[in-house]
N, C-alpha and C. Protein backbone atom coordinates (compact mmCIF):
# COMPACT_ATOMS: atom_id res chain seq x y z
N MET A 1 30.97 -46.34 58.09
CA MET A 1 30.01 -47.18 58.35
C MET A 1 30.53 -48.96 58.61
N ASP A 2 30.33 -49.49 60.22
CA ASP A 2 31.07 -50.89 59.78
C ASP A 2 29.94 -51.59 58.88
N ALA A 3 30.67 -52.97 58.67
CA ALA A 3 29.65 -54.42 58.19
C ALA A 3 28.18 -54.66 58.67
N THR A 4 28.45 -54.62 59.95
CA THR A 4 27.34 -55.29 61.16
C THR A 4 26.38 -54.01 60.94
N ARG A 5 26.72 -52.69 60.72
CA ARG A 5 25.51 -51.38 60.53
C ARG A 5 24.52 -51.83 59.45
N ARG A 6 25.56 -52.13 58.00
CA ARG A 6 24.88 -52.31 57.06
C ARG A 6 24.30 -53.71 56.70
N THR A 7 24.78 -54.71 57.67
CA THR A 7 23.37 -55.67 57.44
C THR A 7 22.16 -55.47 58.62
N LEU A 8 22.33 -55.08 59.25
CA LEU A 8 20.97 -54.35 59.93
C LEU A 8 19.62 -53.48 59.41
N ILE A 9 21.03 -52.53 58.49
CA ILE A 9 20.08 -51.91 57.63
C ILE A 9 19.43 -52.69 56.23
N ALA A 10 20.32 -53.26 56.29
CA ALA A 10 20.03 -54.21 55.23
C ALA A 10 18.54 -54.66 55.29
N LYS A 11 19.44 -55.50 56.13
CA LYS A 11 17.72 -56.40 57.11
C LYS A 11 16.43 -55.61 56.97
N ILE A 12 16.48 -54.01 57.71
CA ILE A 12 15.45 -53.34 57.95
C ILE A 12 14.90 -53.17 56.82
N HIS A 13 15.39 -52.81 55.68
CA HIS A 13 14.99 -52.44 54.08
C HIS A 13 14.24 -53.56 53.76
N ILE A 14 14.57 -54.90 53.80
CA ILE A 14 13.97 -56.39 53.58
C ILE A 14 13.20 -56.31 53.90
N ALA A 15 12.72 -55.83 55.06
CA ALA A 15 11.20 -56.32 56.57
C ALA A 15 10.22 -55.44 55.89
N LYS A 16 10.91 -54.10 55.82
CA LYS A 16 9.83 -52.88 54.66
C LYS A 16 9.25 -53.45 53.59
N LYS A 17 9.82 -54.09 52.76
CA LYS A 17 10.05 -54.69 51.21
C LYS A 17 8.81 -55.87 51.44
N ASP A 18 8.94 -57.24 52.85
CA ASP A 18 8.17 -58.13 52.76
C ASP A 18 7.00 -57.39 53.63
N LEU A 19 7.12 -56.34 54.13
CA LEU A 19 5.79 -56.08 54.97
C LEU A 19 4.95 -55.20 54.53
N ALA A 20 6.03 -54.92 53.38
CA ALA A 20 5.24 -53.99 51.84
C ALA A 20 4.46 -52.32 52.58
N MET A 21 5.38 -52.10 53.82
CA MET A 21 5.26 -50.45 53.89
C MET A 21 5.88 -49.60 53.04
N ASP A 22 4.32 -48.40 52.96
CA ASP A 22 4.81 -47.51 52.05
C ASP A 22 6.29 -46.49 53.07
N ASP A 23 6.50 -45.15 52.13
CA ASP A 23 7.51 -44.71 53.01
C ASP A 23 7.64 -43.99 54.07
N GLU A 24 5.60 -43.75 54.28
CA GLU A 24 5.45 -42.62 55.55
C GLU A 24 4.49 -43.52 57.02
N THR A 25 4.78 -45.04 56.46
CA THR A 25 4.87 -45.67 57.69
C THR A 25 6.16 -46.42 58.26
N TYR A 26 6.48 -46.55 57.53
CA TYR A 26 8.09 -47.45 57.77
C TYR A 26 8.67 -46.04 58.11
N ARG A 27 8.64 -44.47 58.11
CA ARG A 27 9.03 -44.02 59.01
C ARG A 27 8.28 -43.78 60.12
N ASP A 28 7.41 -44.05 60.36
CA ASP A 28 6.41 -44.00 61.18
C ASP A 28 6.85 -45.53 62.62
N VAL A 29 7.34 -46.26 62.06
CA VAL A 29 7.63 -47.19 62.90
C VAL A 29 9.10 -46.58 63.56
N LEU A 30 9.68 -46.14 62.41
CA LEU A 30 11.41 -46.01 62.81
C LEU A 30 11.32 -45.00 64.28
N GLN A 31 10.08 -43.74 63.95
CA GLN A 31 10.42 -42.78 64.85
C GLN A 31 9.34 -43.51 66.08
N ARG A 32 8.84 -44.22 66.11
CA ARG A 32 8.02 -45.08 67.44
C ARG A 32 8.69 -45.53 67.94
N VAL A 33 9.89 -46.24 67.46
CA VAL A 33 10.69 -47.60 68.10
C VAL A 33 11.96 -46.87 68.71
N THR A 34 12.46 -45.76 67.68
CA THR A 34 14.07 -45.20 68.67
C THR A 34 13.42 -43.83 68.54
N GLY A 35 12.65 -42.91 67.63
CA GLY A 35 12.74 -41.46 68.27
C GLY A 35 13.52 -40.91 66.51
N LYS A 36 14.09 -41.64 65.89
CA LYS A 36 14.63 -40.65 65.07
C LYS A 36 13.83 -42.03 63.46
N ASP A 37 13.48 -41.00 62.44
CA ASP A 37 12.79 -41.09 61.58
C ASP A 37 14.26 -41.67 60.04
N SER A 38 15.29 -41.90 60.36
CA SER A 38 16.25 -42.68 59.31
C SER A 38 17.36 -44.02 59.93
N CYS A 39 17.54 -44.79 59.58
CA CYS A 39 18.30 -45.74 60.15
C CYS A 39 19.85 -45.42 60.05
N LYS A 40 20.23 -44.08 59.36
CA LYS A 40 21.69 -43.82 59.09
C LYS A 40 21.98 -42.99 60.48
N ASN A 41 21.23 -42.58 61.61
CA ASN A 41 21.09 -41.95 62.25
C ASN A 41 21.16 -42.63 63.73
N MET A 42 20.78 -44.03 63.64
CA MET A 42 20.49 -44.78 64.37
C MET A 42 22.07 -45.82 64.78
N THR A 43 21.92 -46.42 66.11
CA THR A 43 23.09 -47.17 66.53
C THR A 43 22.46 -48.64 66.52
N VAL A 44 23.43 -49.35 66.80
CA VAL A 44 23.58 -51.20 66.68
C VAL A 44 22.43 -51.69 67.12
N ALA A 45 22.52 -51.08 68.60
CA ALA A 45 21.24 -51.40 69.72
C ALA A 45 20.15 -51.04 69.02
N GLU A 46 20.27 -49.67 68.37
CA GLU A 46 18.60 -49.26 67.72
C GLU A 46 18.17 -49.87 66.62
N LEU A 47 18.82 -50.38 65.57
CA LEU A 47 18.59 -50.84 64.72
C LEU A 47 18.00 -52.44 64.91
N LYS A 48 18.97 -53.22 65.48
CA LYS A 48 17.81 -54.08 66.38
C LYS A 48 16.71 -54.28 67.52
N LYS A 49 16.53 -53.42 67.71
CA LYS A 49 15.12 -52.90 68.06
C LYS A 49 13.81 -53.01 67.26
N VAL A 50 14.44 -51.87 66.26
CA VAL A 50 13.66 -50.90 64.71
C VAL A 50 13.26 -52.90 64.51
N ILE A 51 14.23 -54.15 64.01
CA ILE A 51 14.11 -55.57 63.90
C ILE A 51 13.24 -56.79 64.43
N SER A 52 13.29 -56.19 66.02
CA SER A 52 12.45 -56.94 66.28
C SER A 52 11.09 -56.20 66.52
N ASP A 53 10.51 -55.30 65.91
CA ASP A 53 9.45 -54.44 66.13
C ASP A 53 8.93 -54.90 64.43
N MET A 54 9.63 -54.76 63.63
CA MET A 54 9.19 -55.60 62.04
C MET A 54 8.82 -57.54 62.87
N LYS A 55 10.21 -58.07 63.64
CA LYS A 55 9.58 -59.19 63.46
C LYS A 55 7.58 -59.33 64.58
N ARG A 56 8.01 -58.51 65.39
CA ARG A 56 7.04 -58.55 65.43
C ARG A 56 5.57 -58.30 65.03
N LEU A 57 5.30 -57.18 63.75
CA LEU A 57 4.41 -56.86 63.00
C LEU A 57 4.35 -58.06 61.80
N GLY A 58 5.16 -59.42 62.10
CA GLY A 58 5.03 -60.08 61.29
C GLY A 58 6.46 -60.71 59.52
N PHE A 59 7.30 -59.69 60.13
CA PHE A 59 8.34 -60.38 59.30
C PHE A 59 9.26 -61.00 59.81
N THR A 60 9.35 -61.85 58.70
CA THR A 60 10.46 -63.80 59.10
C THR A 60 12.10 -63.41 58.37
N PRO A 61 12.41 -63.20 58.85
CA PRO A 61 14.34 -63.03 58.00
C PRO A 61 14.66 -64.50 57.82
N LYS A 62 15.07 -64.60 56.18
CA LYS A 62 14.97 -65.76 55.48
C LYS A 62 16.97 -66.22 56.97
N GLN A 63 17.18 -67.45 56.53
CA GLN A 63 18.57 -67.52 56.95
C GLN A 63 19.87 -67.05 56.50
N THR A 64 20.14 -66.96 57.04
CA THR A 64 21.27 -65.88 56.46
C THR A 64 22.81 -66.36 55.95
N ALA A 65 23.93 -66.45 55.22
CA ALA A 65 24.76 -66.75 54.53
C ALA A 65 25.50 -67.54 55.72
N GLN A 66 25.93 -66.59 56.81
CA GLN A 66 26.52 -67.03 57.64
C GLN A 66 25.65 -68.10 58.66
N SER A 67 24.43 -67.88 59.09
CA SER A 67 24.41 -69.43 59.98
C SER A 67 24.37 -70.52 58.72
N ILE A 68 24.17 -70.27 57.91
CA ILE A 68 24.06 -71.63 57.32
C ILE A 68 25.26 -71.80 56.99
N GLN A 69 26.72 -71.39 56.56
CA GLN A 69 27.92 -71.22 57.09
C GLN A 69 28.30 -72.43 58.39
N LYS A 70 27.58 -71.53 59.26
CA LYS A 70 27.96 -72.04 60.97
C LYS A 70 26.83 -73.51 60.80
N HIS A 71 26.46 -73.67 60.38
CA HIS A 71 24.87 -75.05 60.71
C HIS A 71 25.22 -75.49 60.02
N GLY A 72 25.25 -74.71 59.03
CA GLY A 72 24.97 -75.58 57.49
C GLY A 72 22.72 -75.39 56.71
N ARG A 73 22.59 -76.00 55.95
CA ARG A 73 20.97 -76.04 55.47
C ARG A 73 20.23 -76.81 56.20
N LYS A 74 18.96 -76.76 55.98
CA LYS A 74 18.58 -77.76 56.47
C LYS A 74 17.74 -78.44 55.11
N PRO A 75 18.20 -80.05 54.60
CA PRO A 75 17.67 -80.36 53.41
C PRO A 75 16.19 -80.49 53.63
N THR A 76 15.60 -80.79 53.05
CA THR A 76 14.09 -81.07 51.90
C THR A 76 14.05 -82.18 52.15
N THR A 77 12.84 -82.14 52.79
CA THR A 77 12.61 -84.16 52.57
C THR A 77 10.74 -83.94 52.35
N THR A 78 10.40 -85.63 52.14
CA THR A 78 8.90 -85.76 52.02
C THR A 78 8.25 -85.22 53.17
N GLU A 79 6.89 -84.86 53.83
CA GLU A 79 6.42 -84.60 54.57
C GLU A 79 6.56 -85.31 55.83
N ASP A 80 6.37 -86.63 55.21
CA ASP A 80 6.32 -88.00 56.47
C ASP A 80 7.20 -87.67 57.36
N ARG A 81 8.66 -87.44 56.61
CA ARG A 81 9.37 -87.23 57.46
C ARG A 81 9.74 -86.02 57.80
N GLN A 82 9.21 -84.76 57.24
CA GLN A 82 9.52 -83.44 57.92
C GLN A 82 9.89 -83.26 59.46
N ALA A 83 8.99 -83.87 59.96
CA ALA A 83 9.15 -83.46 61.51
C ALA A 83 10.36 -84.12 62.23
N LEU A 84 10.92 -85.29 61.95
CA LEU A 84 11.86 -86.01 62.30
C LEU A 84 12.91 -85.40 61.76
N LEU A 85 12.82 -84.58 60.88
CA LEU A 85 14.23 -84.29 60.26
C LEU A 85 14.32 -82.34 60.75
N SER A 86 13.26 -81.97 61.44
CA SER A 86 13.06 -81.08 61.88
C SER A 86 13.83 -81.27 63.61
N LYS A 87 13.76 -82.68 64.49
CA LYS A 87 14.23 -82.33 65.32
C LYS A 87 15.26 -83.09 65.37
N VAL A 88 15.73 -83.59 64.14
CA VAL A 88 17.20 -83.13 64.41
C VAL A 88 18.28 -82.27 64.10
N GLU A 89 17.32 -81.51 63.51
CA GLU A 89 18.28 -79.59 62.77
C GLU A 89 17.89 -78.93 64.79
N ALA A 90 16.69 -79.37 65.32
CA ALA A 90 16.64 -78.92 66.60
C ALA A 90 18.45 -79.05 67.53
N ILE A 91 18.53 -80.49 66.89
CA ILE A 91 19.36 -81.44 68.90
C ILE A 91 20.86 -80.34 68.13
N LEU A 92 20.97 -80.25 66.88
CA LEU A 92 22.11 -80.23 65.48
C LEU A 92 22.73 -78.66 66.13
N ALA A 93 21.56 -77.64 66.21
CA ALA A 93 21.83 -76.30 67.03
C ALA A 93 21.21 -76.64 68.49
N ASP A 94 21.45 -77.30 68.99
CA ASP A 94 21.59 -76.87 70.20
C ASP A 94 22.60 -76.93 70.86
N ASN A 95 23.48 -78.08 70.18
CA ASN A 95 24.98 -78.95 70.30
C ASN A 95 25.93 -77.95 69.50
N ASN A 96 25.13 -76.79 68.84
CA ASN A 96 26.03 -76.27 67.87
C ASN A 96 27.13 -77.25 67.03
N LEU A 97 25.87 -77.63 66.54
CA LEU A 97 26.47 -79.01 65.23
C LEU A 97 26.32 -78.73 63.81
N HIS A 98 27.41 -78.46 63.14
CA HIS A 98 26.96 -78.63 61.87
C HIS A 98 26.27 -79.63 61.34
N TRP A 99 25.53 -79.73 59.83
CA TRP A 99 24.22 -80.91 59.31
C TRP A 99 25.81 -81.95 58.45
N ASN A 100 26.86 -81.66 58.59
CA ASN A 100 28.04 -82.40 58.38
C ASN A 100 27.79 -83.68 58.89
N TYR A 101 27.72 -83.14 60.56
CA TYR A 101 27.42 -84.45 61.67
C TYR A 101 26.49 -85.04 61.56
N ALA A 102 25.58 -85.36 60.99
CA ALA A 102 24.40 -85.69 60.96
C ALA A 102 24.21 -86.41 59.76
N HIS A 103 25.16 -85.98 58.42
CA HIS A 103 25.60 -86.79 57.44
C HIS A 103 26.49 -87.56 57.39
N ALA A 104 27.17 -87.81 58.42
CA ALA A 104 28.56 -88.14 59.12
C ALA A 104 27.82 -89.67 60.00
N ILE A 105 27.06 -88.95 60.99
CA ILE A 105 26.18 -90.33 61.77
C ILE A 105 25.61 -91.30 60.55
N THR A 106 25.03 -90.17 59.60
CA THR A 106 23.77 -91.45 58.89
C THR A 106 25.00 -92.35 57.73
N LYS A 107 26.34 -92.09 57.61
CA LYS A 107 27.16 -92.73 56.26
C LYS A 107 27.84 -94.04 57.70
N GLN A 108 28.57 -93.66 58.67
CA GLN A 108 28.57 -94.37 59.07
C GLN A 108 27.92 -95.94 60.35
N MET A 109 26.27 -95.01 60.43
CA MET A 109 25.07 -95.92 60.43
C MET A 109 24.67 -97.07 59.10
N PHE A 110 24.33 -96.63 58.72
CA PHE A 110 23.64 -96.81 57.58
C PHE A 110 24.64 -96.81 56.12
N GLY A 111 25.63 -96.72 55.90
CA GLY A 111 26.29 -96.31 54.89
C GLY A 111 25.96 -95.43 53.84
N VAL A 112 24.47 -95.04 53.50
CA VAL A 112 23.75 -93.48 52.97
C VAL A 112 24.84 -92.54 53.09
N ASP A 113 24.99 -91.49 51.92
CA ASP A 113 26.27 -89.80 52.36
C ASP A 113 25.06 -89.30 52.92
N PHE A 114 23.45 -89.27 52.94
CA PHE A 114 22.89 -88.04 53.69
C PHE A 114 21.95 -88.26 54.27
N VAL A 115 21.68 -87.90 55.66
CA VAL A 115 20.76 -88.28 56.12
C VAL A 115 19.00 -87.82 55.10
N HIS A 116 18.98 -87.38 54.56
CA HIS A 116 17.15 -86.46 54.35
C HIS A 116 17.56 -88.39 52.68
N TRP A 117 18.37 -88.20 52.53
CA TRP A 117 17.89 -89.91 51.54
C TRP A 117 17.66 -91.17 52.76
N LEU A 118 17.49 -90.88 53.90
CA LEU A 118 17.01 -91.88 54.15
C LEU A 118 15.03 -91.88 54.95
N PRO A 119 14.74 -93.64 54.68
CA PRO A 119 13.19 -93.82 55.12
C PRO A 119 13.12 -93.28 56.53
N ALA A 120 12.00 -93.35 57.25
CA ALA A 120 11.61 -92.89 58.12
C ALA A 120 11.96 -93.61 59.51
N ASP A 121 12.05 -94.74 59.51
CA ASP A 121 12.22 -95.51 60.63
C ASP A 121 13.73 -95.11 60.59
N LYS A 122 14.53 -95.42 59.64
CA LYS A 122 16.27 -94.74 60.09
C LYS A 122 17.11 -93.23 60.38
N LEU A 123 15.82 -92.67 60.08
CA LEU A 123 15.76 -91.25 60.44
C LEU A 123 15.28 -91.17 61.84
N TYR A 124 14.55 -91.97 62.57
CA TYR A 124 14.07 -92.21 63.99
C TYR A 124 15.79 -92.66 64.68
N LYS A 125 15.82 -93.35 64.14
CA LYS A 125 17.52 -94.09 64.40
C LYS A 125 18.56 -93.24 64.49
N VAL A 126 18.80 -92.13 64.04
CA VAL A 126 19.40 -91.51 64.05
C VAL A 126 18.83 -90.12 64.80
N VAL A 127 17.89 -89.68 65.10
CA VAL A 127 17.32 -88.81 66.21
C VAL A 127 17.96 -89.67 67.33
N GLN A 128 17.08 -90.64 67.51
CA GLN A 128 17.78 -91.64 69.03
C GLN A 128 19.62 -91.28 69.25
N ALA A 129 20.07 -92.02 68.02
CA ALA A 129 21.63 -91.33 67.99
C ALA A 129 22.08 -89.44 68.46
N LEU A 130 21.48 -89.06 68.27
CA LEU A 130 21.51 -87.60 68.39
C LEU A 130 21.53 -87.32 69.78
N SER A 131 19.87 -87.51 70.14
CA SER A 131 20.02 -87.84 71.49
C SER A 131 20.28 -88.12 72.78
N ILE A 132 20.79 -89.24 72.17
CA ILE A 132 22.26 -90.10 73.04
C ILE A 132 23.31 -88.91 73.38
N TYR A 133 23.88 -88.62 72.27
CA TYR A 133 24.64 -87.33 72.22
C TYR A 133 24.27 -86.53 73.21
N GLN A 134 23.17 -85.72 72.55
CA GLN A 134 22.91 -84.70 73.34
C GLN A 134 22.77 -84.83 75.09
N ALA A 135 22.60 -85.82 75.60
CA ALA A 135 22.33 -86.57 76.99
C ALA A 135 23.54 -86.22 77.31
N LYS A 136 24.31 -86.95 77.02
CA LYS A 136 25.92 -87.06 77.01
C LYS A 136 26.80 -86.03 77.29
N HIS A 137 26.67 -85.31 75.96
CA HIS A 137 26.96 -83.35 76.57
C HIS A 137 26.77 -82.54 77.47
N ASN A 138 25.37 -82.97 77.83
CA ASN A 138 24.48 -81.92 78.67
C ASN A 138 25.03 -82.19 79.86
N LYS A 139 25.03 -83.79 80.24
CA LYS A 139 25.58 -84.58 81.42
C LYS A 139 26.77 -83.92 81.61
N LYS A 140 28.33 -84.01 80.63
CA LYS A 140 29.27 -83.40 81.12
C LYS A 140 29.23 -81.72 81.20
N GLU A 141 28.09 -81.40 80.69
CA GLU A 141 28.17 -79.08 81.09
C GLU A 141 27.83 -79.12 82.12
N LYS A 142 27.04 -80.11 82.68
CA LYS A 142 26.61 -79.99 84.54
C LYS A 142 27.73 -80.17 85.70
N HIS A 143 28.05 -81.54 85.01
CA HIS A 143 29.83 -81.93 86.19
C HIS A 143 31.25 -82.32 85.28
N PRO A 144 31.13 -80.78 85.31
CA PRO A 144 33.29 -80.53 84.31
C PRO A 144 34.15 -81.47 84.98
N SER A 145 33.77 -81.75 86.18
CA SER A 145 34.68 -82.40 87.59
C SER A 145 34.65 -83.58 86.74
N GLY A 146 33.93 -84.64 86.27
CA GLY A 146 33.15 -85.79 86.79
C GLY A 146 32.40 -86.53 88.00
N GLN A 147 32.30 -85.59 88.59
CA GLN A 147 31.72 -86.40 89.97
C GLN A 147 30.31 -85.60 90.13
N PHE A 148 29.58 -86.68 89.97
CA PHE A 148 28.43 -86.14 90.10
C PHE A 148 27.46 -86.66 91.69
N GLY A 149 28.08 -86.19 92.49
CA GLY A 149 27.32 -86.06 93.75
C GLY A 149 27.61 -84.38 94.09
């Protein structure tokens, strides 16, 4: 069994526990989605279908270690800055950037080590800087030759 299958099966079992399914209900879901009553007999595509169905039933997967390594973990902050921090997170994810990029911008602009330490007015300026980066980056992708017309 390869690592991908093991990861998907583990995620299915976590979903089963989070959704408080008994064994009979769990096997009914597997049967309904794939026609099989055991994960070990499923293909990777079938396992992904089961996970999608469990999400439909209310399962919300946590951030994986792999996604945390790729983009970093979203810092926590006070409620008044949470919306701005979510905007930073969205722009970073859209441009496939790590949280360290936002921290570096914060350090360069304000001399503060971490973006979540900023007050709301300065955090808004970081969002603006990231938005400008995003606009420039998207413009370059649409016109890779450098000609705009």
